[in-house]
Amino acid sequence: MLSQRQIEAHITRNSAVLGGKPIIRGTRITVSLIIDWLDAGVSIEQILEDYPNLTRDDVEAARAYSQLRRDRADIGSR
């Protein structure tokens, strides 16, 4: 799992961009969109081919960010 610092190097939130949704830094591609693609079975290689401005580290950071949010939600629901 990536550290918080590594995640923050790739993921950002800004209320003025897409309503504050978490996005890949320097893009308007949301974390949720990347997670939806991965959940639908789209490979990282295909995502990178379709969006050459993304890096493997961006996709991995989106995955780690999403998992971290899920883990925190699970803890809060106990």
PDB file of N, CA and C in Angstrom:
ATOM      1  N   MET A   1       0.851  -1.182   0.000  1.00  0.00           N
ATOM      2  CA  MET A   1       0.000   0.000   0.000  1.00  0.00           C
ATOM      3  C   MET A   1       0.891   1.236   0.000  1.00  0.00           C
ATOM      4  N   LEU A   2       0.477   2.216  -0.756  1.00  0.00           N
ATOM      5  CA  LEU A   2       1.235   3.461  -0.833  1.00  0.00           C
ATOM      6  C   LEU A   2       1.043   4.276   0.443  1.00  0.00           C
ATOM      7  N   SER A   3       2.031   5.090   0.761  1.00  0.00           N
ATOM      8  CA  SER A   3       1.919   5.976   1.914  1.00  0.00           C
ATOM      9  C   SER A   3       1.013   7.159   1.564  1.00  0.00           C
ATOM     10  N   GLN A   4       0.556   7.837   2.588  1.00  0.00           N
ATOM     11  CA  GLN A   4      -0.280   9.027   2.392  1.00  0.00           C
ATOM     12  C   GLN A   4       0.452  10.053   1.521  1.00  0.00           C
ATOM     13  N   ARG A   5       1.726  10.214   1.747  1.00  0.00           N
ATOM     14  CA  ARG A   5       2.529  11.170   0.976  1.00  0.00           C
ATOM     15  C   ARG A   5       2.586  10.781  -0.505  1.00  0.00           C
ATOM     16  N   GLN A   6       2.762   9.481  -0.766  1.00  0.00           N
ATOM     17  CA  GLN A   6       2.799   9.014  -2.150  1.00  0.00           C
ATOM     18  C   GLN A   6       1.443   9.230  -2.830  1.00  0.00           C
ATOM     19  N   ILE A   7       0.372   8.965  -2.109  1.00  0.00           N
ATOM     20  CA  ILE A   7      -0.963   9.183  -2.662  1.00  0.00           C
ATOM     21  C   ILE A   7      -1.162  10.663  -2.974  1.00  0.00           C
ATOM     22  N   GLU A   8      -0.815  11.514  -2.030  1.00  0.00           N
ATOM     23  CA  GLU A   8      -1.004  12.958  -2.213  1.00  0.00           C
ATOM     24  C   GLU A   8      -0.159  13.535  -3.339  1.00  0.00           C
ATOM     25  N   ALA A   9       0.902  12.851  -3.726  1.00  0.00           N
ATOM     26  CA  ALA A   9       1.714  13.307  -4.852  1.00  0.00           C
ATOM     27  C   ALA A   9       0.948  13.170  -6.171  1.00  0.00           C
ATOM     28  N   HIS A  10      -0.078  12.319  -6.183  1.00  0.00           N
ATOM     29  CA  HIS A  10      -0.825  12.048  -7.417  1.00  0.00           C
ATOM     30  C   HIS A  10      -2.290  12.472  -7.362  1.00  0.00           C
ATOM     31  N   ILE A  11      -2.864  12.529  -6.168  1.00  0.00           N
ATOM     32  CA  ILE A  11      -4.292  12.806  -6.017  1.00  0.00           C
ATOM     33  C   ILE A  11      -4.473  14.155  -5.331  1.00  0.00           C
ATOM     34  N   THR A  12      -5.410  14.931  -5.842  1.00  0.00           N
ATOM     35  CA  THR A  12      -5.692  16.223  -5.238  1.00  0.00           C
ATOM     36  C   THR A  12      -7.198  16.474  -5.222  1.00  0.00           C
ATOM     37  N   ARG A  13      -7.609  17.406  -4.386  1.00  0.00           N
ATOM     38  CA  ARG A  13      -9.007  17.848  -4.330  1.00  0.00           C
ATOM     39  C   ARG A  13      -8.996  19.374  -4.299  1.00  0.00           C
ATOM     40  N   ASN A  14      -9.893  19.954  -5.068  1.00  0.00           N
ATOM     41  CA  ASN A  14     -10.014  21.405  -5.121  1.00  0.00           C
ATOM     42  C   ASN A  14     -11.494  21.709  -5.363  1.00  0.00           C
ATOM     43  N   SER A  15     -12.099  22.452  -4.477  1.00  0.00           N
ATOM     44  CA  SER A  15     -13.534  22.722  -4.599  1.00  0.00           C
ATOM     45  C   SER A  15     -13.889  23.422  -5.907  1.00  0.00           C
ATOM     46  N   ALA A  16     -12.915  24.063  -6.537  1.00  0.00           N
ATOM     47  CA  ALA A  16     -13.170  24.766  -7.796  1.00  0.00           C
ATOM     48  C   ALA A  16     -13.052  23.842  -9.018  1.00  0.00           C
ATOM     49  N   VAL A  17     -12.625  22.598  -8.809  1.00  0.00           N
ATOM     50  CA  VAL A  17     -12.450  21.656  -9.917  1.00  0.00           C
ATOM     51  C   VAL A  17     -13.351  20.449  -9.675  1.00  0.00           C
ATOM     52  N   LEU A  18     -14.299  20.252 -10.564  1.00  0.00           N
ATOM     53  CA  LEU A  18     -15.217  19.110 -10.496  1.00  0.00           C
ATOM     54  C   LEU A  18     -15.881  18.965  -9.127  1.00  0.00           C
ATOM     55  N   GLY A  19     -16.220  20.089  -8.539  1.00  0.00           N
ATOM     56  CA  GLY A  19     -16.944  20.075  -7.272  1.00  0.00           C
ATOM     57  C   GLY A  19     -16.167  19.505  -6.107  1.00  0.00           C
ATOM     58  N   GLY A  20     -14.850  19.482  -6.212  1.00  0.00           N
ATOM     59  CA  GLY A  20     -14.021  18.983  -5.121  1.00  0.00           C
ATOM     60  C   GLY A  20     -13.811  17.492  -5.106  1.00  0.00           C
ATOM     61  N   LYS A  21     -14.230  16.805  -6.171  1.00  0.00           N
ATOM     62  CA  LYS A  21     -13.987  15.362  -6.247  1.00  0.00           C
ATOM     63  C   LYS A  21     -12.484  15.114  -6.325  1.00  0.00           C
ATOM     64  N   PRO A  22     -12.013  14.013  -5.756  1.00  0.00           N
ATOM     65  CA  PRO A  22     -10.587  13.699  -5.878  1.00  0.00           C
ATOM     66  C   PRO A  22     -10.237  13.368  -7.331  1.00  0.00           C
ATOM     67  N   ILE A  23      -9.183  14.000  -7.805  1.00  0.00           N
ATOM     68  CA  ILE A  23      -8.754  13.828  -9.196  1.00  0.00           C
ATOM     69  C   ILE A  23      -7.254  13.537  -9.244  1.00  0.00           C
ATOM     70  N   ILE A  24      -6.829  13.038 -10.390  1.00  0.00           N
ATOM     71  CA  ILE A  24      -5.400  12.879 -10.635  1.00  0.00           C
ATOM     72  C   ILE A  24      -4.816  14.270 -10.840  1.00  0.00           C
ATOM     73  N   ARG A  25      -3.794  14.561 -10.078  1.00  0.00           N
ATOM     74  CA  ARG A  25      -3.157  15.888 -10.126  1.00  0.00           C
ATOM     75  C   ARG A  25      -2.814  16.267 -11.564  1.00  0.00           C
ATOM     76  N   GLY A  26      -3.176  17.483 -11.946  1.00  0.00           N
ATOM     77  CA  GLY A  26      -2.864  17.993 -13.276  1.00  0.00           C
ATOM     78  C   GLY A  26      -3.837  17.560 -14.357  1.00  0.00           C
ATOM     79  N   THR A  27      -4.902  16.855 -13.957  1.00  0.00           N
ATOM     80  CA  THR A  27      -5.903  16.405 -14.930  1.00  0.00           C
ATOM     81  C   THR A  27      -7.302  16.717 -14.388  1.00  0.00           C
ATOM     82  N   ARG A  28      -8.295  16.348 -15.152  1.00  0.00           N
ATOM     83  CA  ARG A  28      -9.681  16.405 -14.685  1.00  0.00           C
ATOM     84  C   ARG A  28     -10.251  14.977 -14.642  1.00  0.00           C
ATOM     85  N   ILE A  29      -9.371  14.021 -14.474  1.00  0.00           N
ATOM     86  CA  ILE A  29      -9.771  12.615 -14.399  1.00  0.00           C
ATOM     87  C   ILE A  29      -9.965  12.260 -12.932  1.00  0.00           C
ATOM     88  N   THR A  30     -11.191  11.835 -12.602  1.00  0.00           N
ATOM     89  CA  THR A  30     -11.503  11.552 -11.209  1.00  0.00           C
ATOM     90  C   THR A  30     -11.008  10.169 -10.782  1.00  0.00           C
ATOM     91  N   VAL A  31     -10.730  10.065  -9.505  1.00  0.00           N
ATOM     92  CA  VAL A  31     -10.369   8.776  -8.916  1.00  0.00           C
ATOM     93  C   VAL A  31     -11.504   7.784  -9.146  1.00  0.00           C
ATOM     94  N   SER A  32     -12.735   8.238  -8.962  1.00  0.00           N
ATOM     95  CA  SER A  32     -13.871   7.319  -9.111  1.00  0.00           C
ATOM     96  C   SER A  32     -13.965   6.768 -10.528  1.00  0.00           C
ATOM     97  N   LEU A  33     -13.620   7.556 -11.529  1.00  0.00           N
ATOM     98  CA  LEU A  33     -13.642   7.071 -12.907  1.00  0.00           C
ATOM     99  C   LEU A  33     -12.613   5.958 -13.104  1.00  0.00           C
ATOM    100  N   ILE A  34     -11.421   6.156 -12.586  1.00  0.00           N
ATOM    101  CA  ILE A  34     -10.382   5.136 -12.699  1.00  0.00           C
ATOM    102  C   ILE A  34     -10.815   3.861 -11.974  1.00  0.00           C
ATOM    103  N   ILE A  35     -11.376   4.000 -10.785  1.00  0.00           N
ATOM    104  CA  ILE A  35     -11.828   2.831 -10.028  1.00  0.00           C
ATOM    105  C   ILE A  35     -12.955   2.119 -10.765  1.00  0.00           C
ATOM    106  N   ASP A  36     -13.865   2.878 -11.360  1.00  0.00           N
ATOM    107  CA  ASP A  36     -14.939   2.267 -12.156  1.00  0.00           C
ATOM    108  C   ASP A  36     -14.369   1.444 -13.306  1.00  0.00           C
ATOM    109  N   TRP A  37     -13.360   1.978 -13.990  1.00  0.00           N
ATOM    110  CA  TRP A  37     -12.729   1.252 -15.088  1.00  0.00           C
ATOM    111  C   TRP A  37     -12.099  -0.043 -14.577  1.00  0.00           C
ATOM    112  N   LEU A  38     -11.341   0.060 -13.490  1.00  0.00           N
ATOM    113  CA  LEU A  38     -10.682  -1.122 -12.946  1.00  0.00           C
ATOM    114  C   LEU A  38     -11.715  -2.158 -12.504  1.00  0.00           C
ATOM    115  N   ASP A  39     -12.774  -1.707 -11.838  1.00  0.00           N
ATOM    116  CA  ASP A  39     -13.829  -2.626 -11.390  1.00  0.00           C
ATOM    117  C   ASP A  39     -14.538  -3.292 -12.565  1.00  0.00           C
ATOM    118  N   ALA A  40     -14.569  -2.606 -13.703  1.00  0.00           N
ATOM    119  CA  ALA A  40     -15.212  -3.158 -14.899  1.00  0.00           C
ATOM    120  C   ALA A  40     -14.281  -4.103 -15.664  1.00  0.00           C
ATOM    121  N   GLY A  41     -13.053  -4.254 -15.168  1.00  0.00           N
ATOM    122  CA  GLY A  41     -12.126  -5.179 -15.809  1.00  0.00           C
ATOM    123  C   GLY A  41     -11.178  -4.551 -16.809  1.00  0.00           C
ATOM    124  N   VAL A  42     -11.187  -3.233 -16.908  1.00  0.00           N
ATOM    125  CA  VAL A  42     -10.243  -2.558 -17.807  1.00  0.00           C
ATOM    126  C   VAL A  42      -8.854  -2.654 -17.178  1.00  0.00           C
ATOM    127  N   SER A  43      -7.886  -3.070 -17.952  1.00  0.00           N
ATOM    128  CA  SER A  43      -6.528  -3.228 -17.425  1.00  0.00           C
ATOM    129  C   SER A  43      -5.843  -1.866 -17.279  1.00  0.00           C
ATOM    130  N   ILE A  44      -4.865  -1.842 -16.416  1.00  0.00           N
ATOM    131  CA  ILE A  44      -4.072  -0.619 -16.258  1.00  0.00           C
ATOM    132  C   ILE A  44      -3.430  -0.260 -17.593  1.00  0.00           C
ATOM    133  N   GLU A  45      -2.945  -1.254 -18.308  1.00  0.00           N
ATOM    134  CA  GLU A  45      -2.306  -1.005 -19.602  1.00  0.00           C
ATOM    135  C   GLU A  45      -3.274  -0.327 -20.571  1.00  0.00           C
ATOM    136  N   GLN A  46      -4.530  -0.771 -20.577  1.00  0.00           N
ATOM    137  CA  GLN A  46      -5.535  -0.169 -21.465  1.00  0.00           C
ATOM    138  C   GLN A  46      -5.837   1.272 -21.049  1.00  0.00           C
ATOM    139  N   ILE A  47      -5.935   1.516 -19.749  1.00  0.00           N
ATOM    140  CA  ILE A  47      -6.166   2.883 -19.259  1.00  0.00           C
ATOM    141  C   ILE A  47      -5.023   3.780 -19.704  1.00  0.00           C
ATOM    142  N   LEU A  48      -3.796   3.301 -19.541  1.00  0.00           N
ATOM    143  CA  LEU A  48      -2.619   4.100 -19.919  1.00  0.00           C
ATOM    144  C   LEU A  48      -2.551   4.323 -21.425  1.00  0.00           C
ATOM    145  N   GLU A  49      -2.996   3.341 -22.180  1.00  0.00           N
ATOM    146  CA  GLU A  49      -3.017   3.499 -23.632  1.00  0.00           C
ATOM    147  C   GLU A  49      -4.058   4.540 -24.046  1.00  0.00           C
ATOM    148  N   ASP A  50      -5.226   4.488 -23.407  1.00  0.00           N
ATOM    149  CA  ASP A  50      -6.304   5.418 -23.738  1.00  0.00           C
ATOM    150  C   ASP A  50      -6.047   6.830 -23.216  1.00  0.00           C
ATOM    151  N   TYR A  51      -5.299   6.930 -22.124  1.00  0.00           N
ATOM    152  CA  TYR A  51      -5.003   8.225 -21.494  1.00  0.00           C
ATOM    153  C   TYR A  51      -3.499   8.341 -21.278  1.00  0.00           C
ATOM    154  N   PRO A  52      -2.746   8.652 -22.325  1.00  0.00           N
ATOM    155  CA  PRO A  52      -1.286   8.652 -22.230  1.00  0.00           C
ATOM    156  C   PRO A  52      -0.716   9.698 -21.274  1.00  0.00           C
ATOM    157  N   ASN A  53      -1.542  10.649 -20.828  1.00  0.00           N
ATOM    158  CA  ASN A  53      -1.050  11.627 -19.858  1.00  0.00           C
ATOM    159  C   ASN A  53      -1.053  11.063 -18.439  1.00  0.00           C
ATOM    160  N   LEU A  54      -1.670   9.881 -18.232  1.00  0.00           N
ATOM    161  CA  LEU A  54      -1.633   9.220 -16.938  1.00  0.00           C
ATOM    162  C   LEU A  54      -0.414   8.317 -16.848  1.00  0.00           C
ATOM    163  N   THR A  55       0.017   8.066 -15.624  1.00  0.00           N
ATOM    164  CA  THR A  55       1.111   7.131 -15.387  1.00  0.00           C
ATOM    165  C   THR A  55       0.585   5.946 -14.573  1.00  0.00           C
ATOM    166  N   ARG A  56       1.348   4.888 -14.577  1.00  0.00           N
ATOM    167  CA  ARG A  56       0.994   3.731 -13.750  1.00  0.00           C
ATOM    168  C   ARG A  56       0.893   4.166 -12.284  1.00  0.00           C
ATOM    169  N   ASP A  57       1.788   5.043 -11.849  1.00  0.00           N
ATOM    170  CA  ASP A  57       1.749   5.532 -10.470  1.00  0.00           C
ATOM    171  C   ASP A  57       0.452   6.292 -10.189  1.00  0.00           C
ATOM    172  N   ASP A  58      -0.060   7.034 -11.173  1.00  0.00           N
ATOM    173  CA  ASP A  58      -1.340   7.730 -10.999  1.00  0.00           C
ATOM    174  C   ASP A  58      -2.461   6.728 -10.731  1.00  0.00           C
ATOM    175  N   VAL A  59      -2.490   5.672 -11.526  1.00  0.00           N
ATOM    176  CA  VAL A  59      -3.539   4.659 -11.387  1.00  0.00           C
ATOM    177  C   VAL A  59      -3.403   3.937 -10.049  1.00  0.00           C
ATOM    178  N   GLU A  60      -2.190   3.596  -9.684  1.00  0.00           N
ATOM    179  CA  GLU A  60      -1.971   2.922  -8.394  1.00  0.00           C
ATOM    180  C   GLU A  60      -2.336   3.838  -7.233  1.00  0.00           C
ATOM    181  N   ALA A  61      -2.060   5.127  -7.362  1.00  0.00           N
ATOM    182  CA  ALA A  61      -2.439   6.073  -6.308  1.00  0.00           C
ATOM    183  C   ALA A  61      -3.955   6.176  -6.204  1.00  0.00           C
ATOM    184  N   ALA A  62      -4.646   6.159  -7.331  1.00  0.00           N
ATOM    185  CA  ALA A  62      -6.110   6.194  -7.314  1.00  0.00           C
ATOM    186  C   ALA A  62      -6.647   4.953  -6.610  1.00  0.00           C
ATOM    187  N   ARG A  63      -6.076   3.816  -6.904  1.00  0.00           N
ATOM    188  CA  ARG A  63      -6.497   2.567  -6.256  1.00  0.00           C
ATOM    189  C   ARG A  63      -6.246   2.641  -4.747  1.00  0.00           C
ATOM    190  N   ALA A  64      -5.067   3.102  -4.348  1.00  0.00           N
ATOM    191  CA  ALA A  64      -4.725   3.196  -2.925  1.00  0.00           C
ATOM    192  C   ALA A  64      -5.626   4.207  -2.212  1.00  0.00           C
ATOM    193  N   TYR A  65      -5.891   5.343  -2.859  1.00  0.00           N
ATOM    194  CA  TYR A  65      -6.765   6.363  -2.278  1.00  0.00           C
ATOM    195  C   TYR A  65      -8.157   5.783  -2.039  1.00  0.00           C
ATOM    196  N   SER A  66      -8.677   5.090  -3.019  1.00  0.00           N
ATOM    197  CA  SER A  66      -9.999   4.493  -2.910  1.00  0.00           C
ATOM    198  C   SER A  66     -10.043   3.464  -1.785  1.00  0.00           C
ATOM    199  N   GLN A  67      -9.027   2.624  -1.695  1.00  0.00           N
ATOM    200  CA  GLN A  67      -8.989   1.611  -0.638  1.00  0.00           C
ATOM    201  C   GLN A  67      -8.898   2.262   0.737  1.00  0.00           C
ATOM    202  N   LEU A  68      -8.108   3.296   0.847  1.00  0.00           N
ATOM    203  CA  LEU A  68      -7.970   4.009   2.115  1.00  0.00           C
ATOM    204  C   LEU A  68      -9.309   4.589   2.554  1.00  0.00           C
ATOM    205  N   ARG A  69     -10.041   5.172   1.618  1.00  0.00           N
ATOM    206  CA  ARG A  69     -11.370   5.727   1.930  1.00  0.00           C
ATOM    207  C   ARG A  69     -12.329   4.621   2.368  1.00  0.00           C
ATOM    208  N   ARG A  70     -12.293   3.473   1.679  1.00  0.00           N
ATOM    209  CA  ARG A  70     -13.146   2.339   2.070  1.00  0.00           C
ATOM    210  C   ARG A  70     -12.795   1.842   3.465  1.00  0.00           C
ATOM    211  N   ASP A  71     -11.499   1.726   3.742  1.00  0.00           N
ATOM    212  CA  ASP A  71     -11.070   1.252   5.052  1.00  0.00           C
ATOM    213  C   ASP A  71     -11.540   2.191   6.153  1.00  0.00           C
ATOM    214  N   ARG A  72     -11.443   3.476   5.917  1.00  0.00           N
ATOM    215  CA  ARG A  72     -11.891   4.461   6.923  1.00  0.00           C
ATOM    216  C   ARG A  72     -13.401   4.398   7.100  1.00  0.00           C
ATOM    217  N   ALA A  73     -14.139   4.182   6.033  1.00  0.00           N
ATOM    218  CA  ALA A  73     -15.596   4.066   6.135  1.00  0.00           C
ATOM    219  C   ALA A  73     -15.964   2.819   6.922  1.00  0.00           C
ATOM    220  N   ASP A  74     -15.244   1.720   6.698  1.00  0.00           N
ATOM    221  CA  ASP A  74     -15.508   0.484   7.443  1.00  0.00           C
ATOM    222  C   ASP A  74     -15.263   0.675   8.930  1.00  0.00           C
ATOM    223  N   ILE A  75     -14.206   1.363   9.267  1.00  0.00           N
ATOM    224  CA  ILE A  75     -13.886   1.608  10.687  1.00  0.00           C
ATOM    225  C   ILE A  75     -14.970   2.468  11.321  1.00  0.00           C
ATOM    226  N   GLY A  76     -15.432   3.478  10.588  1.00  0.00           N
ATOM    227  CA  GLY A  76     -16.463   4.380  11.105  1.00  0.00           C
ATOM    228  C   GLY A  76     -17.810   3.713  11.283  1.00  0.00           C
ATOM    229  N   SER A  77     -18.047   2.622  10.603  1.00  0.00           N
ATOM    230  CA  SER A  77     -19.363   1.975  10.683  1.00  0.00           C
ATOM    231  C   SER A  77     -19.421   0.925  11.796  1.00  0.00           C
ATOM    232  N   ARG A  78     -18.339   0.730  12.491  1.00  0.00           N
ATOM    233  CA  ARG A  78     -18.316  -0.288  13.574  1.00  0.00           C
ATOM    234  C   ARG A  78     -18.857   0.256  14.849  1.00  0.00           C
TER     235      ARG A  78
END
